[in-house]
Amino acid sequence: MELGLNVTQEQVDELKANADDINYDVAKKREKEVRHDVMSHVYA
């Protein structure tokens, strides 16, 4: 965002607001489907 890409402050704030409240159940369920830990957590 700071370097000019199409990322808004509202999006960054939303990410920060949910930084520590990880929905592990969603990530685990997704990983069983896609077999990829990083993309499962991106999805969650």
PDB file of all heavy atoms in Angstrom:
ATOM      1  N   MET A   1       0.840  -1.206   0.000  1.00  0.00           N
ATOM      2  CA  MET A   1       0.000   0.000   0.000  1.00  0.00           C
ATOM      3  C   MET A   1       0.873   1.254   0.000  1.00  0.00           C
ATOM      4  O   MET A   1       0.632   2.193  -0.787  1.00  0.00           O
ATOM      5  CB  MET A   1      -0.905   0.002   1.234  1.00  0.00           C
ATOM      6  CG  MET A   1      -1.787   1.242   1.361  1.00  0.00           C
ATOM      7  SD  MET A   1      -2.611   1.341   2.979  1.00  0.00           S
ATOM      8  CE  MET A   1      -1.213   1.737   4.064  1.00  0.00           C
ATOM      9  N   GLU A   2       1.882   1.262   0.871  1.00  0.00           N
ATOM     10  CA  GLU A   2       2.754   2.434   0.972  1.00  0.00           C
ATOM     11  C   GLU A   2       3.537   2.693  -0.304  1.00  0.00           C
ATOM     12  O   GLU A   2       3.938   3.829  -0.587  1.00  0.00           O
ATOM     13  CB  GLU A   2       3.710   2.244   2.154  1.00  0.00           C
ATOM     14  CG  GLU A   2       3.022   2.288   3.510  1.00  0.00           C
ATOM     15  CD  GLU A   2       3.900   1.817   4.662  1.00  0.00           C
ATOM     16  OE1 GLU A   2       5.039   1.368   4.406  1.00  0.00           O
ATOM     17  OE2 GLU A   2       3.444   1.886   5.820  1.00  0.00           O
ATOM     18  N   LEU A   3       3.740   1.627  -1.089  1.00  0.00           N
ATOM     19  CA  LEU A   3       4.490   1.768  -2.342  1.00  0.00           C
ATOM     20  C   LEU A   3       3.569   1.946  -3.551  1.00  0.00           C
ATOM     21  O   LEU A   3       4.033   1.917  -4.697  1.00  0.00           O
ATOM     22  CB  LEU A   3       5.399   0.551  -2.537  1.00  0.00           C
ATOM     23  CG  LEU A   3       6.574   0.460  -1.555  1.00  0.00           C
ATOM     24  CD1 LEU A   3       7.251  -0.889  -1.625  1.00  0.00           C
ATOM     25  CD2 LEU A   3       7.584   1.580  -1.812  1.00  0.00           C
ATOM     26  N   GLY A   4       2.272   2.161  -3.297  1.00  0.00           N
ATOM     27  CA  GLY A   4       1.380   2.585  -4.369  1.00  0.00           C
ATOM     28  C   GLY A   4       0.517   1.521  -4.998  1.00  0.00           C
ATOM     29  O   GLY A   4      -0.217   1.812  -5.955  1.00  0.00           O
ATOM     30  N   LEU A   5       0.548   0.278  -4.515  1.00  0.00           N
ATOM     31  CA  LEU A   5      -0.335  -0.734  -5.089  1.00  0.00           C
ATOM     32  C   LEU A   5      -1.774  -0.514  -4.613  1.00  0.00           C
ATOM     33  O   LEU A   5      -2.026   0.214  -3.643  1.00  0.00           O
ATOM     34  CB  LEU A   5       0.134  -2.144  -4.709  1.00  0.00           C
ATOM     35  CG  LEU A   5       1.454  -2.621  -5.323  1.00  0.00           C
ATOM     36  CD1 LEU A   5       1.677  -4.080  -4.985  1.00  0.00           C
ATOM     37  CD2 LEU A   5       1.485  -2.411  -6.838  1.00  0.00           C
ATOM     38  N   ASN A   6      -2.692  -1.174  -5.258  1.00  0.00           N
ATOM     39  CA  ASN A   6      -4.112  -0.990  -4.973  1.00  0.00           C
ATOM     40  C   ASN A   6      -4.522  -1.772  -3.719  1.00  0.00           C
ATOM     41  O   ASN A   6      -5.282  -2.745  -3.767  1.00  0.00           O
ATOM     42  CB  ASN A   6      -4.946  -1.429  -6.176  1.00  0.00           C
ATOM     43  CG  ASN A   6      -6.406  -1.055  -6.021  1.00  0.00           C
ATOM     44  OD1 ASN A   6      -6.747  -0.131  -5.281  1.00  0.00           O
ATOM     45  ND2 ASN A   6      -7.281  -1.791  -6.705  1.00  0.00           N
ATOM     46  N   VAL A   7      -3.968  -1.362  -2.610  1.00  0.00           N
ATOM     47  CA  VAL A   7      -4.298  -1.901  -1.293  1.00  0.00           C
ATOM     48  C   VAL A   7      -4.720  -0.728  -0.429  1.00  0.00           C
ATOM     49  O   VAL A   7      -4.026   0.302  -0.384  1.00  0.00           O
ATOM     50  CB  VAL A   7      -3.088  -2.621  -0.653  1.00  0.00           C
ATOM     51  CG1 VAL A   7      -3.439  -3.124   0.748  1.00  0.00           C
ATOM     52  CG2 VAL A   7      -2.619  -3.773  -1.530  1.00  0.00           C
ATOM     53  N   THR A   8      -5.852  -0.834   0.243  1.00  0.00           N
ATOM     54  CA  THR A   8      -6.381   0.300   1.013  1.00  0.00           C
ATOM     55  C   THR A   8      -6.043   0.187   2.500  1.00  0.00           C
ATOM     56  O   THR A   8      -5.779  -0.913   3.016  1.00  0.00           O
ATOM     57  CB  THR A   8      -7.905   0.389   0.863  1.00  0.00           C
ATOM     58  OG1 THR A   8      -8.501  -0.753   1.509  1.00  0.00           O
ATOM     59  CG2 THR A   8      -8.305   0.427  -0.609  1.00  0.00           C
ATOM     60  N   GLN A   9      -6.116   1.319   3.166  1.00  0.00           N
ATOM     61  CA  GLN A   9      -5.887   1.342   4.609  1.00  0.00           C
ATOM     62  C   GLN A   9      -6.957   0.530   5.329  1.00  0.00           C
ATOM     63  O   GLN A   9      -6.674  -0.128   6.334  1.00  0.00           O
ATOM     64  CB  GLN A   9      -5.901   2.784   5.120  1.00  0.00           C
ATOM     65  CG  GLN A   9      -5.552   2.920   6.597  1.00  0.00           C
ATOM     66  CD  GLN A   9      -4.124   2.483   6.895  1.00  0.00           C
ATOM     67  OE1 GLN A   9      -3.176   2.978   6.291  1.00  0.00           O
ATOM     68  NE2 GLN A   9      -3.963   1.555   7.839  1.00  0.00           N
ATOM     69  N   GLU A  10      -8.177   0.553   4.812  1.00  0.00           N
ATOM     70  CA  GLU A  10      -9.264  -0.222   5.421  1.00  0.00           C
ATOM     71  C   GLU A  10      -8.967  -1.720   5.372  1.00  0.00           C
ATOM     72  O   GLU A  10      -9.244  -2.454   6.337  1.00  0.00           O
ATOM     73  CB  GLU A  10     -10.587   0.067   4.704  1.00  0.00           C
ATOM     74  CG  GLU A  10     -11.162   1.461   4.949  1.00  0.00           C
ATOM     75  CD  GLU A  10     -10.398   2.553   4.193  1.00  0.00           C
ATOM     76  OE1 GLU A  10      -9.703   2.224   3.204  1.00  0.00           O
ATOM     77  OE2 GLU A  10     -10.494   3.720   4.620  1.00  0.00           O
ATOM     78  N   GLN A  11      -8.392  -2.176   4.279  1.00  0.00           N
ATOM     79  CA  GLN A  11      -8.020  -3.592   4.163  1.00  0.00           C
ATOM     80  C   GLN A  11      -6.914  -3.949   5.152  1.00  0.00           C
ATOM     81  O   GLN A  11      -6.966  -4.996   5.808  1.00  0.00           O
ATOM     82  CB  GLN A  11      -7.578  -3.889   2.732  1.00  0.00           C
ATOM     83  CG  GLN A  11      -8.712  -3.886   1.727  1.00  0.00           C
ATOM     84  CD  GLN A  11      -8.234  -4.012   0.304  1.00  0.00           C
ATOM     85  OE1 GLN A  11      -7.232  -3.398  -0.089  1.00  0.00           O
ATOM     86  NE2 GLN A  11      -8.946  -4.818  -0.500  1.00  0.00           N
ATOM     87  N   VAL A  12      -5.917  -3.079   5.250  1.00  0.00           N
ATOM     88  CA  VAL A  12      -4.821  -3.316   6.198  1.00  0.00           C
ATOM     89  C   VAL A  12      -5.352  -3.334   7.628  1.00  0.00           C
ATOM     90  O   VAL A  12      -4.980  -4.198   8.441  1.00  0.00           O
ATOM     91  CB  VAL A  12      -3.723  -2.238   6.039  1.00  0.00           C
ATOM     92  CG1 VAL A  12      -2.687  -2.358   7.152  1.00  0.00           C
ATOM     93  CG2 VAL A  12      -3.055  -2.359   4.674  1.00  0.00           C
ATOM     94  N   ASP A  13      -6.243  -2.399   7.937  1.00  0.00           N
ATOM     95  CA  ASP A  13      -6.816  -2.343   9.291  1.00  0.00           C
ATOM     96  C   ASP A  13      -7.621  -3.607   9.597  1.00  0.00           C
ATOM     97  O   ASP A  13      -7.619  -4.100  10.738  1.00  0.00           O
ATOM     98  CB  ASP A  13      -7.722  -1.113   9.432  1.00  0.00           C
ATOM     99  CG  ASP A  13      -6.926   0.190   9.439  1.00  0.00           C
ATOM    100  OD1 ASP A  13      -5.701   0.132   9.675  1.00  0.00           O
ATOM    101  OD2 ASP A  13      -7.533   1.249   9.192  1.00  0.00           O
ATOM    102  N   GLU A  14      -8.319  -4.110   8.604  1.00  0.00           N
ATOM    103  CA  GLU A  14      -9.099  -5.335   8.801  1.00  0.00           C
ATOM    104  C   GLU A  14      -8.176  -6.514   9.096  1.00  0.00           C
ATOM    105  O   GLU A  14      -8.460  -7.350   9.980  1.00  0.00           O
ATOM    106  CB  GLU A  14      -9.933  -5.626   7.555  1.00  0.00           C
ATOM    107  CG  GLU A  14     -10.918  -6.786   7.739  1.00  0.00           C
ATOM    108  CD  GLU A  14     -11.752  -7.026   6.500  1.00  0.00           C
ATOM    109  OE1 GLU A  14     -11.151  -7.108   5.396  1.00  0.00           O
ATOM    110  OE2 GLU A  14     -12.979  -7.134   6.622  1.00  0.00           O
ATOM    111  N   LEU A  15      -7.066  -6.576   8.365  1.00  0.00           N
ATOM    112  CA  LEU A  15      -6.080  -7.630   8.622  1.00  0.00           C
ATOM    113  C   LEU A  15      -5.527  -7.523  10.044  1.00  0.00           C
ATOM    114  O   LEU A  15      -5.379  -8.529  10.752  1.00  0.00           O
ATOM    115  CB  LEU A  15      -4.939  -7.548   7.612  1.00  0.00           C
ATOM    116  CG  LEU A  15      -5.271  -7.894   6.157  1.00  0.00           C
ATOM    117  CD1 LEU A  15      -4.058  -7.656   5.261  1.00  0.00           C
ATOM    118  CD2 LEU A  15      -5.737  -9.346   6.027  1.00  0.00           C
ATOM    119  N   LYS A  16      -5.217  -6.323  10.459  1.00  0.00           N
ATOM    120  CA  LYS A  16      -4.658  -6.114  11.804  1.00  0.00           C
ATOM    121  C   LYS A  16      -5.673  -6.476  12.890  1.00  0.00           C
ATOM    122  O   LYS A  16      -5.307  -7.037  13.930  1.00  0.00           O
ATOM    123  CB  LYS A  16      -4.211  -4.663  11.969  1.00  0.00           C
ATOM    124  CG  LYS A  16      -2.974  -4.298  11.178  1.00  0.00           C
ATOM    125  CD  LYS A  16      -2.562  -2.844  11.420  1.00  0.00           C
ATOM    126  CE  LYS A  16      -1.270  -2.504  10.671  1.00  0.00           C
ATOM    127  NZ  LYS A  16      -0.869  -1.078  10.891  1.00  0.00           N
ATOM    128  N   ALA A  17      -6.924  -6.182  12.638  1.00  0.00           N
ATOM    129  CA  ALA A  17      -7.965  -6.449  13.642  1.00  0.00           C
ATOM    130  C   ALA A  17      -8.157  -7.942  13.887  1.00  0.00           C
ATOM    131  O   ALA A  17      -8.633  -8.349  14.958  1.00  0.00           O
ATOM    132  CB  ALA A  17      -9.286  -5.817  13.194  1.00  0.00           C
ATOM    133  N   ASN A  18      -7.796  -8.753  12.924  1.00  0.00           N
ATOM    134  CA  ASN A  18      -7.978 -10.208  13.059  1.00  0.00           C
ATOM    135  C   ASN A  18      -6.647 -10.964  13.141  1.00  0.00           C
ATOM    136  O   ASN A  18      -6.617 -12.176  12.942  1.00  0.00           O
ATOM    137  CB  ASN A  18      -8.788 -10.727  11.874  1.00  0.00           C
ATOM    138  CG  ASN A  18     -10.220 -10.257  11.908  1.00  0.00           C
ATOM    139  OD1 ASN A  18     -11.053 -10.823  12.607  1.00  0.00           O
ATOM    140  ND2 ASN A  18     -10.516  -9.185  11.166  1.00  0.00           N
ATOM    141  N   ALA A  19      -5.592 -10.254  13.465  1.00  0.00           N
ATOM    142  CA  ALA A  19      -4.259 -10.866  13.433  1.00  0.00           C
ATOM    143  C   ALA A  19      -4.096 -12.003  14.429  1.00  0.00           C
ATOM    144  O   ALA A  19      -3.469 -13.030  14.119  1.00  0.00           O
ATOM    145  CB  ALA A  19      -3.197  -9.794  13.684  1.00  0.00           C
ATOM    146  N   ASP A  20      -4.637 -11.853  15.625  1.00  0.00           N
ATOM    147  CA  ASP A  20      -4.397 -12.833  16.689  1.00  0.00           C
ATOM    148  C   ASP A  20      -5.555 -13.804  16.902  1.00  0.00           C
ATOM    149  O   ASP A  20      -5.407 -14.786  17.629  1.00  0.00           O
ATOM    150  CB  ASP A  20      -4.096 -12.111  18.000  1.00  0.00           C
ATOM    151  CG  ASP A  20      -2.783 -11.345  17.947  1.00  0.00           C
ATOM    152  OD1 ASP A  20      -1.866 -11.805  17.238  1.00  0.00           O
ATOM    153  OD2 ASP A  20      -2.682 -10.290  18.596  1.00  0.00           O
ATOM    154  N   ASP A  21      -6.686 -13.525  16.293  1.00  0.00           N
ATOM    155  CA  ASP A  21      -7.870 -14.372  16.485  1.00  0.00           C
ATOM    156  C   ASP A  21      -7.953 -15.379  15.340  1.00  0.00           C
ATOM    157  O   ASP A  21      -8.765 -15.255  14.425  1.00  0.00           O
ATOM    158  CB  ASP A  21      -9.126 -13.493  16.528  1.00  0.00           C
ATOM    159  CG  ASP A  21     -10.378 -14.308  16.789  1.00  0.00           C
ATOM    160  OD1 ASP A  21     -10.258 -15.399  17.377  1.00  0.00           O
ATOM    161  OD2 ASP A  21     -11.465 -13.853  16.396  1.00  0.00           O
ATOM    162  N   ILE A  22      -7.113 -16.399  15.412  1.00  0.00           N
ATOM    163  CA  ILE A  22      -6.998 -17.331  14.294  1.00  0.00           C
ATOM    164  C   ILE A  22      -8.104 -18.388  14.356  1.00  0.00           C
ATOM    165  O   ILE A  22      -8.293 -19.046  15.387  1.00  0.00           O
ATOM    166  CB  ILE A  22      -5.613 -18.006  14.281  1.00  0.00           C
ATOM    167  CG1 ILE A  22      -4.503 -16.947  14.118  1.00  0.00           C
ATOM    168  CG2 ILE A  22      -5.519 -19.031  13.147  1.00  0.00           C
ATOM    169  CD1 ILE A  22      -3.096 -17.503  14.135  1.00  0.00           C
ATOM    170  N   ASN A  23      -8.807 -18.533  13.261  1.00  0.00           N
ATOM    171  CA  ASN A  23      -9.875 -19.532  13.161  1.00  0.00           C
ATOM    172  C   ASN A  23      -9.271 -20.874  12.726  1.00  0.00           C
ATOM    173  O   ASN A  23      -9.408 -21.302  11.578  1.00  0.00           O
ATOM    174  CB  ASN A  23     -10.959 -19.063  12.186  1.00  0.00           C
ATOM    175  CG  ASN A  23     -10.382 -18.521  10.883  1.00  0.00           C
ATOM    176  OD1 ASN A  23      -9.183 -18.275  10.765  1.00  0.00           O
ATOM    177  ND2 ASN A  23     -11.241 -18.332   9.895  1.00  0.00           N
ATOM    178  N   TYR A  24      -8.657 -21.542  13.673  1.00  0.00           N
ATOM    179  CA  TYR A  24      -7.922 -22.778  13.383  1.00  0.00           C
ATOM    180  C   TYR A  24      -8.820 -23.863  12.797  1.00  0.00           C
ATOM    181  O   TYR A  24      -8.382 -24.658  11.955  1.00  0.00           O
ATOM    182  CB  TYR A  24      -7.238 -23.293  14.647  1.00  0.00           C
ATOM    183  CG  TYR A  24      -5.998 -22.521  15.031  1.00  0.00           C
ATOM    184  CD1 TYR A  24      -5.972 -21.754  16.184  1.00  0.00           C
ATOM    185  CD2 TYR A  24      -4.845 -22.566  14.240  1.00  0.00           C
ATOM    186  CE1 TYR A  24      -4.844 -21.036  16.551  1.00  0.00           C
ATOM    187  CE2 TYR A  24      -3.712 -21.856  14.592  1.00  0.00           C
ATOM    188  CZ  TYR A  24      -3.712 -21.096  15.747  1.00  0.00           C
ATOM    189  OH  TYR A  24      -2.588 -20.389  16.079  1.00  0.00           O
ATOM    190  N   ASP A  25     -10.068 -23.918  13.241  1.00  0.00           N
ATOM    191  CA  ASP A  25     -10.958 -24.963  12.740  1.00  0.00           C
ATOM    192  C   ASP A  25     -11.178 -24.830  11.240  1.00  0.00           C
ATOM    193  O   ASP A  25     -11.203 -25.835  10.505  1.00  0.00           O
ATOM    194  CB  ASP A  25     -12.293 -24.919  13.491  1.00  0.00           C
ATOM    195  CG  ASP A  25     -12.945 -23.532  13.450  1.00  0.00           C
ATOM    196  OD1 ASP A  25     -12.222 -22.539  13.233  1.00  0.00           O
ATOM    197  OD2 ASP A  25     -14.179 -23.449  13.643  1.00  0.00           O
ATOM    198  N   VAL A  26     -11.300 -23.606  10.770  1.00  0.00           N
ATOM    199  CA  VAL A  26     -11.484 -23.369   9.333  1.00  0.00           C
ATOM    200  C   VAL A  26     -10.233 -23.772   8.562  1.00  0.00           C
ATOM    201  O   VAL A  26     -10.309 -24.425   7.511  1.00  0.00           O
ATOM    202  CB  VAL A  26     -11.829 -21.891   9.069  1.00  0.00           C
ATOM    203  CG1 VAL A  26     -11.899 -21.610   7.562  1.00  0.00           C
ATOM    204  CG2 VAL A  26     -13.144 -21.516   9.751  1.00  0.00           C
ATOM    205  N   ALA A  27      -9.062 -23.396   9.097  1.00  0.00           N
ATOM    206  CA  ALA A  27      -7.797 -23.703   8.417  1.00  0.00           C
ATOM    207  C   ALA A  27      -7.575 -25.209   8.336  1.00  0.00           C
ATOM    208  O   ALA A  27      -7.160 -25.735   7.288  1.00  0.00           O
ATOM    209  CB  ALA A  27      -6.640 -23.031   9.142  1.00  0.00           C
ATOM    210  N   LYS A  28      -7.872 -25.916   9.414  1.00  0.00           N
ATOM    211  CA  LYS A  28      -7.665 -27.366   9.428  1.00  0.00           C
ATOM    212  C   LYS A  28      -8.610 -28.068   8.444  1.00  0.00           C
ATOM    213  O   LYS A  28      -8.205 -28.995   7.734  1.00  0.00           O
ATOM    214  CB  LYS A  28      -7.870 -27.908  10.843  1.00  0.00           C
ATOM    215  CG  LYS A  28      -6.757 -27.546  11.809  1.00  0.00           C
ATOM    216  CD  LYS A  28      -7.040 -28.084  13.206  1.00  0.00           C
ATOM    217  CE  LYS A  28      -5.922 -27.688  14.173  1.00  0.00           C
ATOM    218  NZ  LYS A  28      -6.201 -28.159  15.558  1.00  0.00           N
ATOM    219  N   LYS A  29      -9.831 -27.640   8.428  1.00  0.00           N
ATOM    220  CA  LYS A  29     -10.798 -28.236   7.506  1.00  0.00           C
ATOM    221  C   LYS A  29     -10.388 -27.988   6.064  1.00  0.00           C
ATOM    222  O   LYS A  29     -10.439 -28.896   5.210  1.00  0.00           O
ATOM    223  CB  LYS A  29     -12.176 -27.659   7.768  1.00  0.00           C
ATOM    224  CG  LYS A  29     -13.257 -28.239   6.872  1.00  0.00           C
ATOM    225  CD  LYS A  29     -14.621 -27.620   7.185  1.00  0.00           C
ATOM    226  CE  LYS A  29     -15.681 -28.181   6.241  1.00  0.00           C
ATOM    227  NZ  LYS A  29     -17.018 -27.559   6.494  1.00  0.00           N
ATOM    228  N   ARG A  30      -9.930 -26.768   5.773  1.00  0.00           N
ATOM    229  CA  ARG A  30      -9.517 -26.420   4.421  1.00  0.00           C
ATOM    230  C   ARG A  30      -8.277 -27.205   3.993  1.00  0.00           C
ATOM    231  O   ARG A  30      -8.173 -27.634   2.834  1.00  0.00           O
ATOM    232  CB  ARG A  30      -9.236 -24.922   4.356  1.00  0.00           C
ATOM    233  CG  ARG A  30      -8.851 -24.392   2.980  1.00  0.00           C
ATOM    234  CD  ARG A  30     -10.014 -24.474   2.018  1.00  0.00           C
ATOM    235  NE  ARG A  30      -9.704 -23.835   0.746  1.00  0.00           N
ATOM    236  CZ  ARG A  30     -10.500 -23.837  -0.310  1.00  0.00           C
ATOM    237  NH1 ARG A  30     -11.674 -24.447  -0.247  1.00  0.00           N
ATOM    238  NH2 ARG A  30     -10.143 -23.236  -1.421  1.00  0.00           N
ATOM    239  N   GLU A  31      -7.343 -27.416   4.938  1.00  0.00           N
ATOM    240  CA  GLU A  31      -6.106 -28.132   4.582  1.00  0.00           C
ATOM    241  C   GLU A  31      -6.397 -29.574   4.203  1.00  0.00           C
ATOM    242  O   GLU A  31      -5.725 -30.158   3.355  1.00  0.00           O
ATOM    243  CB  GLU A  31      -5.088 -28.068   5.726  1.00  0.00           C
ATOM    244  CG  GLU A  31      -3.732 -28.630   5.346  1.00  0.00           C
ATOM    245  CD  GLU A  31      -2.650 -28.396   6.385  1.00  0.00           C
ATOM    246  OE1 GLU A  31      -2.925 -27.777   7.434  1.00  0.00           O
ATOM    247  OE2 GLU A  31      -1.504 -28.853   6.149  1.00  0.00           O
ATOM    248  N   LYS A  32      -7.402 -30.183   4.830  1.00  0.00           N
ATOM    249  CA  LYS A  32      -7.775 -31.550   4.455  1.00  0.00           C
ATOM    250  C   LYS A  32      -8.259 -31.614   3.015  1.00  0.00           C
ATOM    251  O   LYS A  32      -8.099 -32.627   2.331  1.00  0.00           O
ATOM    252  CB  LYS A  32      -8.857 -32.075   5.403  1.00  0.00           C
ATOM    253  CG  LYS A  32      -8.337 -32.417   6.796  1.00  0.00           C
ATOM    254  CD  LYS A  32      -9.449 -33.002   7.654  1.00  0.00           C
ATOM    255  CE  LYS A  32      -8.942 -33.384   9.036  1.00  0.00           C
ATOM    256  NZ  LYS A  32     -10.022 -33.949   9.893  1.00  0.00           N
ATOM    257  N   GLU A  33      -8.813 -30.511   2.560  1.00  0.00           N
ATOM    258  CA  GLU A  33      -9.340 -30.469   1.192  1.00  0.00           C
ATOM    259  C   GLU A  33      -8.257 -30.169   0.160  1.00  0.00           C
ATOM    260  O   GLU A  33      -8.196 -30.821  -0.886  1.00  0.00           O
ATOM    261  CB  GLU A  33     -10.442 -29.398   1.092  1.00  0.00           C
ATOM    262  CG  GLU A  33     -11.660 -29.671   1.961  1.00  0.00           C
ATOM    263  CD  GLU A  33     -12.628 -28.500   1.984  1.00  0.00           C
ATOM    264  OE1 GLU A  33     -12.385 -27.520   1.247  1.00  0.00           O
ATOM    265  OE2 GLU A  33     -13.616 -28.556   2.740  1.00  0.00           O
ATOM    266  N   VAL A  34      -7.387 -29.170   0.470  1.00  0.00           N
ATOM    267  CA  VAL A  34      -6.443 -28.682  -0.553  1.00  0.00           C
ATOM    268  C   VAL A  34      -5.013 -29.183  -0.343  1.00  0.00           C
ATOM    269  O   VAL A  34      -4.154 -28.998  -1.205  1.00  0.00           O
ATOM    270  CB  VAL A  34      -6.460 -27.136  -0.616  1.00  0.00           C
ATOM    271  CG1 VAL A  34      -7.835 -26.632  -0.961  1.00  0.00           C
ATOM    272  CG2 VAL A  34      -5.963 -26.518   0.693  1.00  0.00           C
ATOM    273  N   ARG A  35      -4.733 -29.790   0.824  1.00  0.00           N
ATOM    274  CA  ARG A  35      -3.406 -30.334   1.121  1.00  0.00           C
ATOM    275  C   ARG A  35      -2.303 -29.277   1.009  1.00  0.00           C
ATOM    276  O   ARG A  35      -1.211 -29.547   0.512  1.00  0.00           O
ATOM    277  CB  ARG A  35      -3.078 -31.509   0.182  1.00  0.00           C
ATOM    278  CG  ARG A  35      -4.062 -32.651   0.218  1.00  0.00           C
ATOM    279  CD  ARG A  35      -4.074 -33.326   1.569  1.00  0.00           C
ATOM    280  NE  ARG A  35      -5.030 -34.443   1.586  1.00  0.00           N
ATOM    281  CZ  ARG A  35      -5.343 -35.140   2.678  1.00  0.00           C
ATOM    282  NH1 ARG A  35      -4.776 -34.841   3.823  1.00  0.00           N
ATOM    283  NH2 ARG A  35      -6.223 -36.125   2.625  1.00  0.00           N
ATOM    284  N   HIS A  36      -2.596 -28.069   1.456  1.00  0.00           N
ATOM    285  CA  HIS A  36      -1.597 -26.998   1.385  1.00  0.00           C
ATOM    286  C   HIS A  36      -1.792 -26.089   2.598  1.00  0.00           C
ATOM    287  O   HIS A  36      -2.813 -25.404   2.712  1.00  0.00           O
ATOM    288  CB  HIS A  36      -1.764 -26.207   0.091  1.00  0.00           C
ATOM    289  CG  HIS A  36      -0.562 -25.364  -0.255  1.00  0.00           C
ATOM    290  ND1 HIS A  36      -0.226 -24.220   0.447  1.00  0.00           N
ATOM    291  CD2 HIS A  36       0.385 -25.515  -1.226  1.00  0.00           C
ATOM    292  CE1 HIS A  36       0.864 -23.696  -0.079  1.00  0.00           C
ATOM    293  NE2 HIS A  36       1.263 -24.463  -1.094  1.00  0.00           N
ATOM    294  N   ASP A  37      -0.821 -26.099   3.507  1.00  0.00           N
ATOM    295  CA  ASP A  37      -1.008 -25.387   4.770  1.00  0.00           C
ATOM    296  C   ASP A  37      -1.101 -23.877   4.587  1.00  0.00           C
ATOM    297  O   ASP A  37      -1.947 -23.215   5.194  1.00  0.00           O
ATOM    298  CB  ASP A  37       0.095 -25.752   5.763  1.00  0.00           C
ATOM    299  CG  ASP A  37       1.499 -25.507   5.246  1.00  0.00           C
ATOM    300  OD1 ASP A  37       1.655 -25.185   4.051  1.00  0.00           O
ATOM    301  OD2 ASP A  37       2.461 -25.659   6.035  1.00  0.00           O
ATOM    302  N   VAL A  38      -0.247 -23.304   3.735  1.00  0.00           N
ATOM    303  CA  VAL A  38      -0.255 -21.849   3.574  1.00  0.00           C
ATOM    304  C   VAL A  38      -1.566 -21.380   2.958  1.00  0.00           C
ATOM    305  O   VAL A  38      -2.223 -20.447   3.452  1.00  0.00           O
ATOM    306  CB  VAL A  38       0.944 -21.377   2.724  1.00  0.00           C
ATOM    307  CG1 VAL A  38       0.820 -19.883   2.417  1.00  0.00           C
ATOM    308  CG2 VAL A  38       2.253 -21.656   3.453  1.00  0.00           C
ATOM    309  N   MET A  39      -1.996 -22.031   1.872  1.00  0.00           N
ATOM    310  CA  MET A  39      -3.236 -21.612   1.222  1.00  0.00           C
ATOM    311  C   MET A  39      -4.449 -21.856   2.114  1.00  0.00           C
ATOM    312  O   MET A  39      -5.461 -21.138   2.015  1.00  0.00           O
ATOM    313  CB  MET A  39      -3.408 -22.332  -0.121  1.00  0.00           C
ATOM    314  CG  MET A  39      -2.370 -21.910  -1.166  1.00  0.00           C
ATOM    315  SD  MET A  39      -2.222 -20.103  -1.329  1.00  0.00           S
ATOM    316  CE  MET A  39      -3.866 -19.672  -1.909  1.00  0.00           C
ATOM    317  N   SER A  40      -4.360 -22.822   3.000  1.00  0.00           N
ATOM    318  CA  SER A  40      -5.451 -23.059   3.948  1.00  0.00           C
ATOM    319  C   SER A  40      -5.579 -21.888   4.908  1.00  0.00           C
ATOM    320  O   SER A  40      -6.692 -21.452   5.249  1.00  0.00           O
ATOM    321  CB  SER A  40      -5.203 -24.349   4.729  1.00  0.00           C
ATOM    322  OG  SER A  40      -5.134 -25.452   3.852  1.00  0.00           O
ATOM    323  N   HIS A  41      -4.439 -21.358   5.345  1.00  0.00           N
ATOM    324  CA  HIS A  41      -4.476 -20.228   6.271  1.00  0.00           C
ATOM    325  C   HIS A  41      -4.781 -18.921   5.547  1.00  0.00           C
ATOM    326  O   HIS A  41      -5.369 -18.003   6.157  1.00  0.00           O
ATOM    327  CB  HIS A  41      -3.163 -20.149   7.057  1.00  0.00           C
ATOM    328  CG  HIS A  41      -3.149 -21.056   8.247  1.00  0.00           C
ATOM    329  ND1 HIS A  41      -3.519 -20.637   9.508  1.00  0.00           N
ATOM    330  CD2 HIS A  41      -2.850 -22.375   8.362  1.00  0.00           C
ATOM    331  CE1 HIS A  41      -3.436 -21.660  10.349  1.00  0.00           C
ATOM    332  NE2 HIS A  41      -3.021 -22.722   9.690  1.00  0.00           N
ATOM    333  N   VAL A  42      -4.387 -18.802   4.282  1.00  0.00           N
ATOM    334  CA  VAL A  42      -4.831 -17.650   3.489  1.00  0.00           C
ATOM    335  C   VAL A  42      -6.353 -17.658   3.399  1.00  0.00           C
ATOM    336  O   VAL A  42      -7.020 -16.627   3.590  1.00  0.00           O
ATOM    337  CB  VAL A  42      -4.199 -17.681   2.073  1.00  0.00           C
ATOM    338  CG1 VAL A  42      -4.876 -16.629   1.176  1.00  0.00           C
ATOM    339  CG2 VAL A  42      -2.705 -17.426   2.136  1.00  0.00           C
ATOM    340  N   TYR A  43      -6.902 -18.816   3.129  1.00  0.00           N
ATOM    341  CA  TYR A  43      -8.362 -18.961   3.025  1.00  0.00           C
ATOM    342  C   TYR A  43      -9.035 -18.616   4.359  1.00  0.00           C
ATOM    343  O   TYR A  43     -10.025 -17.860   4.394  1.00  0.00           O
ATOM    344  CB  TYR A  43      -8.692 -20.396   2.616  1.00  0.00           C
ATOM    345  CG  TYR A  43     -10.166 -20.714   2.600  1.00  0.00           C
ATOM    346  CD1 TYR A  43     -10.947 -20.405   1.497  1.00  0.00           C
ATOM    347  CD2 TYR A  43     -10.775 -21.329   3.700  1.00  0.00           C
ATOM    348  CE1 TYR A  43     -12.315 -20.700   1.480  1.00  0.00           C
ATOM    349  CE2 TYR A  43     -12.131 -21.618   3.701  1.00  0.00           C
ATOM    350  CZ  TYR A  43     -12.889 -21.301   2.585  1.00  0.00           C
ATOM    351  OH  TYR A  43     -14.247 -21.585   2.577  1.00  0.00           O
ATOM    352  N   ALA A  44      -8.504 -19.164   5.466  1.00  0.00           N
ATOM    353  CA  ALA A  44      -9.106 -18.923   6.782  1.00  0.00           C
ATOM    354  C   ALA A  44      -9.037 -17.447   7.151  1.00  0.00           C
ATOM    355  O   ALA A  44     -10.000 -16.873   7.686  1.00  0.00           O
ATOM    356  CB  ALA A  44      -8.403 -19.772   7.842  1.00  0.00           C
TER     357      ALA A  44
END
